[in-house]
Amino acid sequence: MARNKAMLETKIGKGPDILDAARFAPHSRKRLSGPGLRTFLTIADLWGGLDEQQRLMVLGLPSRSTYYNWVKAVRERRDITLDVDVLMRLSAVLGIHQAL
């Protein structure tokens, strides 16, 4: 068992021991939100075009107007700051896409 764990750590690298609260600071979320959402929109199209309801579900069911405001802002390259929950959901989609 210890050997398998050591092999995995060698393959993927050891993660952080403690989750740093600075990762959730507004400036960090602002830096990640635009690129993360743009990437999500591209992946959603690549996966056969997730429909609006599916996209809303993945993002935690924001209102349609909120979703379209986010999309408009990131397509115009304006800054947005998504909640931590939404960023975690985007991260999950990016991880799934990378694993495919």
N, C-alpha and C. Protein backbone atom coordinates (compact mmCIF):
# COMPACT_ATOMS: atom_id res chain seq x y z
N MET A 1 0.82 -1.20 0.00
CA MET A 1 0.00 0.00 0.00
C MET A 1 0.87 1.26 0.00
N ALA A 2 1.88 1.29 0.86
CA ALA A 2 2.77 2.46 0.93
C ALA A 2 3.52 2.63 -0.39
N ARG A 3 3.87 1.50 -1.00
CA ARG A 3 4.58 1.56 -2.28
C ARG A 3 3.69 2.20 -3.35
N ASN A 4 2.41 1.81 -3.38
CA ASN A 4 1.48 2.38 -4.36
C ASN A 4 1.32 3.89 -4.15
N LYS A 5 1.23 4.30 -2.88
CA LYS A 5 1.09 5.72 -2.58
C LYS A 5 2.32 6.48 -3.05
N ALA A 6 3.49 5.92 -2.80
CA ALA A 6 4.74 6.57 -3.22
C ALA A 6 4.80 6.67 -4.74
N MET A 7 4.34 5.62 -5.43
CA MET A 7 4.34 5.64 -6.89
C MET A 7 3.39 6.73 -7.41
N LEU A 8 2.21 6.85 -6.79
CA LEU A 8 1.26 7.87 -7.21
C LEU A 8 1.82 9.27 -6.98
N GLU A 9 2.44 9.49 -5.82
CA GLU A 9 3.02 10.80 -5.53
C GLU A 9 4.12 11.14 -6.52
N THR A 10 4.86 10.13 -6.95
CA THR A 10 5.92 10.36 -7.92
C THR A 10 5.31 10.73 -9.27
N LYS A 11 4.21 10.05 -9.64
CA LYS A 11 3.57 10.29 -10.92
C LYS A 11 2.89 11.66 -10.99
N ILE A 12 2.09 11.98 -9.97
CA ILE A 12 1.28 13.19 -10.03
C ILE A 12 1.78 14.31 -9.14
N GLY A 13 2.74 14.03 -8.31
CA GLY A 13 3.26 15.06 -7.42
C GLY A 13 2.45 15.16 -6.15
N LYS A 14 3.10 15.58 -5.11
CA LYS A 14 2.44 15.71 -3.82
C LYS A 14 1.68 17.02 -3.80
N GLY A 15 0.44 16.98 -3.40
CA GLY A 15 -0.39 18.18 -3.30
C GLY A 15 -0.07 18.96 -2.05
N PRO A 16 -0.70 20.11 -1.88
CA PRO A 16 -0.46 20.91 -0.69
C PRO A 16 -0.99 20.21 0.56
N ASP A 17 -0.26 20.35 1.66
CA ASP A 17 -0.70 19.75 2.91
C ASP A 17 -1.89 20.49 3.49
N ILE A 18 -1.91 21.79 3.32
CA ILE A 18 -2.97 22.62 3.86
C ILE A 18 -3.54 23.47 2.73
N LEU A 19 -4.85 23.56 2.68
CA LEU A 19 -5.48 24.39 1.67
C LEU A 19 -5.37 25.85 2.11
N ASP A 20 -4.63 26.62 1.39
CA ASP A 20 -4.35 28.01 1.72
C ASP A 20 -5.58 28.88 1.46
N ALA A 21 -6.00 29.64 2.47
CA ALA A 21 -7.17 30.50 2.35
C ALA A 21 -6.99 31.57 1.28
N ALA A 22 -5.75 31.92 0.97
CA ALA A 22 -5.49 32.94 -0.05
C ALA A 22 -6.01 32.52 -1.42
N ARG A 23 -6.16 31.22 -1.62
CA ARG A 23 -6.70 30.75 -2.90
C ARG A 23 -8.11 31.25 -3.14
N PHE A 24 -8.82 31.57 -2.06
CA PHE A 24 -10.21 32.00 -2.17
C PHE A 24 -10.38 33.50 -2.04
N ALA A 25 -9.27 34.23 -2.00
CA ALA A 25 -9.33 35.69 -1.91
C ALA A 25 -9.94 36.26 -3.19
N PRO A 26 -10.62 37.39 -3.08
CA PRO A 26 -11.26 37.97 -4.27
C PRO A 26 -10.32 38.18 -5.45
N HIS A 27 -9.08 38.60 -5.20
CA HIS A 27 -8.17 38.83 -6.34
C HIS A 27 -7.82 37.52 -7.05
N SER A 28 -7.74 36.42 -6.29
CA SER A 28 -7.48 35.11 -6.92
C SER A 28 -8.68 34.64 -7.71
N ARG A 29 -9.87 34.82 -7.14
CA ARG A 29 -11.09 34.41 -7.85
C ARG A 29 -11.28 35.25 -9.11
N LYS A 30 -10.98 36.53 -9.03
CA LYS A 30 -11.11 37.40 -10.20
C LYS A 30 -10.15 36.98 -11.30
N ARG A 31 -8.94 36.61 -10.92
CA ARG A 31 -7.92 36.18 -11.89
C ARG A 31 -8.33 34.90 -12.61
N LEU A 32 -9.02 33.99 -11.91
CA LEU A 32 -9.37 32.69 -12.46
C LEU A 32 -10.74 32.64 -13.14
N SER A 33 -11.63 33.54 -12.78
CA SER A 33 -13.03 33.44 -13.22
C SER A 33 -13.22 33.55 -14.72
N GLY A 34 -12.66 34.58 -15.34
CA GLY A 34 -12.84 34.77 -16.78
C GLY A 34 -12.29 33.61 -17.60
N PRO A 35 -11.00 33.29 -17.42
CA PRO A 35 -10.44 32.17 -18.19
C PRO A 35 -11.16 30.84 -17.90
N GLY A 36 -11.53 30.64 -16.65
CA GLY A 36 -12.21 29.39 -16.29
C GLY A 36 -13.56 29.26 -16.97
N LEU A 37 -14.34 30.34 -16.97
CA LEU A 37 -15.66 30.29 -17.60
C LEU A 37 -15.54 30.18 -19.11
N ARG A 38 -14.60 30.90 -19.71
CA ARG A 38 -14.40 30.78 -21.17
C ARG A 38 -14.02 29.35 -21.55
N THR A 39 -13.17 28.74 -20.76
CA THR A 39 -12.77 27.36 -21.03
C THR A 39 -13.96 26.42 -20.87
N PHE A 40 -14.76 26.63 -19.83
CA PHE A 40 -15.96 25.82 -19.62
C PHE A 40 -16.89 25.93 -20.83
N LEU A 41 -17.11 27.13 -21.33
CA LEU A 41 -18.00 27.31 -22.48
C LEU A 41 -17.49 26.56 -23.70
N THR A 42 -16.19 26.58 -23.91
CA THR A 42 -15.59 25.84 -25.03
C THR A 42 -15.77 24.34 -24.85
N ILE A 43 -15.52 23.85 -23.64
CA ILE A 43 -15.67 22.42 -23.37
C ILE A 43 -17.13 22.00 -23.53
N ALA A 44 -18.05 22.82 -23.05
CA ALA A 44 -19.48 22.51 -23.18
C ALA A 44 -19.87 22.37 -24.65
N ASP A 45 -19.30 23.20 -25.50
CA ASP A 45 -19.56 23.08 -26.94
C ASP A 45 -18.91 21.82 -27.52
N LEU A 46 -17.70 21.52 -27.08
CA LEU A 46 -17.00 20.33 -27.58
C LEU A 46 -17.71 19.04 -27.20
N TRP A 47 -18.36 19.04 -26.05
CA TRP A 47 -19.04 17.83 -25.58
C TRP A 47 -20.40 17.64 -26.25
N GLY A 48 -20.57 18.16 -27.40
CA GLY A 48 -21.82 17.96 -28.12
C GLY A 48 -22.83 19.05 -27.84
N GLY A 49 -22.34 20.15 -27.34
CA GLY A 49 -23.24 21.29 -27.11
C GLY A 49 -24.18 21.07 -25.95
N LEU A 50 -23.67 21.14 -24.75
CA LEU A 50 -24.56 21.08 -23.59
C LEU A 50 -25.61 22.17 -23.73
N ASP A 51 -26.86 21.83 -23.49
CA ASP A 51 -27.89 22.86 -23.62
C ASP A 51 -27.86 23.81 -22.43
N GLU A 52 -28.66 24.85 -22.51
CA GLU A 52 -28.66 25.89 -21.49
C GLU A 52 -28.92 25.33 -20.09
N GLN A 53 -29.92 24.48 -19.97
CA GLN A 53 -30.27 23.93 -18.66
C GLN A 53 -29.12 23.10 -18.08
N GLN A 54 -28.46 22.32 -18.92
CA GLN A 54 -27.33 21.53 -18.45
C GLN A 54 -26.17 22.42 -17.99
N ARG A 55 -25.92 23.48 -18.72
CA ARG A 55 -24.86 24.42 -18.33
C ARG A 55 -25.20 25.08 -17.00
N LEU A 56 -26.45 25.49 -16.86
CA LEU A 56 -26.88 26.11 -15.60
C LEU A 56 -26.74 25.14 -14.44
N MET A 57 -27.08 23.87 -14.66
CA MET A 57 -26.96 22.87 -13.60
C MET A 57 -25.50 22.69 -13.19
N VAL A 58 -24.61 22.60 -14.16
CA VAL A 58 -23.19 22.43 -13.86
C VAL A 58 -22.68 23.62 -13.05
N LEU A 59 -23.16 24.81 -13.35
CA LEU A 59 -22.69 26.02 -12.68
C LEU A 59 -23.39 26.29 -11.35
N GLY A 60 -24.27 25.40 -10.92
CA GLY A 60 -24.92 25.57 -9.62
C GLY A 60 -26.25 26.29 -9.69
N LEU A 61 -26.87 26.29 -10.85
CA LEU A 61 -28.18 26.89 -11.09
C LEU A 61 -28.27 28.38 -10.79
N PRO A 62 -27.37 29.17 -11.37
CA PRO A 62 -27.57 30.63 -11.26
C PRO A 62 -28.79 31.00 -12.10
N SER A 63 -29.32 32.18 -11.90
CA SER A 63 -30.45 32.61 -12.74
C SER A 63 -29.96 32.74 -14.18
N ARG A 64 -30.90 32.67 -15.11
CA ARG A 64 -30.53 32.78 -16.52
C ARG A 64 -29.88 34.13 -16.81
N SER A 65 -30.42 35.18 -16.19
CA SER A 65 -29.85 36.51 -16.44
C SER A 65 -28.42 36.61 -15.90
N THR A 66 -28.17 36.01 -14.75
CA THR A 66 -26.81 36.00 -14.20
C THR A 66 -25.87 35.25 -15.13
N TYR A 67 -26.32 34.07 -15.58
CA TYR A 67 -25.50 33.27 -16.50
C TYR A 67 -25.17 34.07 -17.76
N TYR A 68 -26.16 34.69 -18.38
CA TYR A 68 -25.91 35.42 -19.62
C TYR A 68 -25.07 36.67 -19.38
N ASN A 69 -25.19 37.29 -18.22
CA ASN A 69 -24.30 38.41 -17.89
C ASN A 69 -22.86 37.94 -17.77
N TRP A 70 -22.65 36.78 -17.13
CA TRP A 70 -21.30 36.20 -17.03
C TRP A 70 -20.74 35.93 -18.42
N VAL A 71 -21.54 35.27 -19.25
CA VAL A 71 -21.08 34.89 -20.59
C VAL A 71 -20.74 36.13 -21.41
N LYS A 72 -21.62 37.12 -21.37
CA LYS A 72 -21.36 38.35 -22.12
C LYS A 72 -20.07 39.01 -21.64
N ALA A 73 -19.90 39.08 -20.33
CA ALA A 73 -18.70 39.73 -19.77
C ALA A 73 -17.42 39.01 -20.19
N VAL A 74 -17.40 37.68 -20.10
CA VAL A 74 -16.15 36.97 -20.43
C VAL A 74 -15.88 36.99 -21.92
N ARG A 75 -16.91 37.01 -22.73
CA ARG A 75 -16.69 37.10 -24.18
C ARG A 75 -16.16 38.48 -24.59
N GLU A 76 -16.51 39.49 -23.79
CA GLU A 76 -15.99 40.84 -24.04
C GLU A 76 -14.67 41.07 -23.30
N ARG A 77 -14.16 40.01 -22.67
CA ARG A 77 -12.89 40.06 -21.92
C ARG A 77 -12.94 41.04 -20.74
N ARG A 78 -14.15 41.22 -20.17
CA ARG A 78 -14.27 42.02 -18.96
C ARG A 78 -14.07 41.12 -17.76
N ASP A 79 -13.62 41.71 -16.66
CA ASP A 79 -13.38 40.94 -15.44
C ASP A 79 -14.69 40.58 -14.75
N ILE A 80 -14.75 39.36 -14.25
CA ILE A 80 -15.83 38.93 -13.38
C ILE A 80 -15.19 38.22 -12.20
N THR A 81 -15.94 38.11 -11.11
CA THR A 81 -15.47 37.37 -9.95
C THR A 81 -16.55 36.38 -9.56
N LEU A 82 -16.31 35.12 -9.85
CA LEU A 82 -17.26 34.07 -9.53
C LEU A 82 -17.09 33.61 -8.09
N ASP A 83 -18.16 33.06 -7.52
CA ASP A 83 -18.09 32.50 -6.18
C ASP A 83 -17.18 31.27 -6.18
N VAL A 84 -16.69 30.94 -5.00
CA VAL A 84 -15.82 29.76 -4.85
C VAL A 84 -16.54 28.51 -5.34
N ASP A 85 -17.83 28.38 -5.01
CA ASP A 85 -18.59 27.20 -5.43
C ASP A 85 -18.58 27.04 -6.95
N VAL A 86 -18.79 28.11 -7.66
CA VAL A 86 -18.82 28.05 -9.12
C VAL A 86 -17.43 27.70 -9.66
N LEU A 87 -16.40 28.28 -9.07
CA LEU A 87 -15.03 27.96 -9.51
C LEU A 87 -14.70 26.49 -9.25
N MET A 88 -15.17 25.95 -8.15
CA MET A 88 -14.94 24.53 -7.87
C MET A 88 -15.64 23.66 -8.90
N ARG A 89 -16.84 24.05 -9.29
CA ARG A 89 -17.58 23.31 -10.31
C ARG A 89 -16.85 23.38 -11.66
N LEU A 90 -16.36 24.57 -12.00
CA LEU A 90 -15.58 24.71 -13.24
C LEU A 90 -14.33 23.84 -13.19
N SER A 91 -13.69 23.82 -12.05
CA SER A 91 -12.49 23.01 -11.88
C SER A 91 -12.79 21.53 -12.10
N ALA A 92 -13.94 21.08 -11.61
CA ALA A 92 -14.32 19.68 -11.80
C ALA A 92 -14.50 19.36 -13.28
N VAL A 93 -15.15 20.25 -14.00
CA VAL A 93 -15.34 20.04 -15.44
C VAL A 93 -14.00 20.01 -16.16
N LEU A 94 -13.11 20.93 -15.81
CA LEU A 94 -11.79 20.95 -16.45
C LEU A 94 -11.02 19.67 -16.15
N GLY A 95 -11.14 19.18 -14.93
CA GLY A 95 -10.47 17.93 -14.57
C GLY A 95 -11.01 16.74 -15.33
N ILE A 96 -12.33 16.68 -15.46
CA ILE A 96 -12.96 15.59 -16.22
C ILE A 96 -12.51 15.65 -17.68
N HIS A 97 -12.54 16.85 -18.25
CA HIS A 97 -12.15 17.00 -19.66
C HIS A 97 -10.69 16.60 -19.86
N GLN A 98 -9.84 16.98 -18.94
CA GLN A 98 -8.42 16.64 -19.05
C GLN A 98 -8.22 15.13 -18.96
N ALA A 99 -9.04 14.45 -18.16
CA ALA A 99 -8.88 13.01 -17.98
C ALA A 99 -9.40 12.20 -19.17
N LEU A 100 -10.20 12.83 -20.03
CA LEU A 100 -10.76 12.08 -21.17
C LEU A 100 -9.73 11.83 -22.25
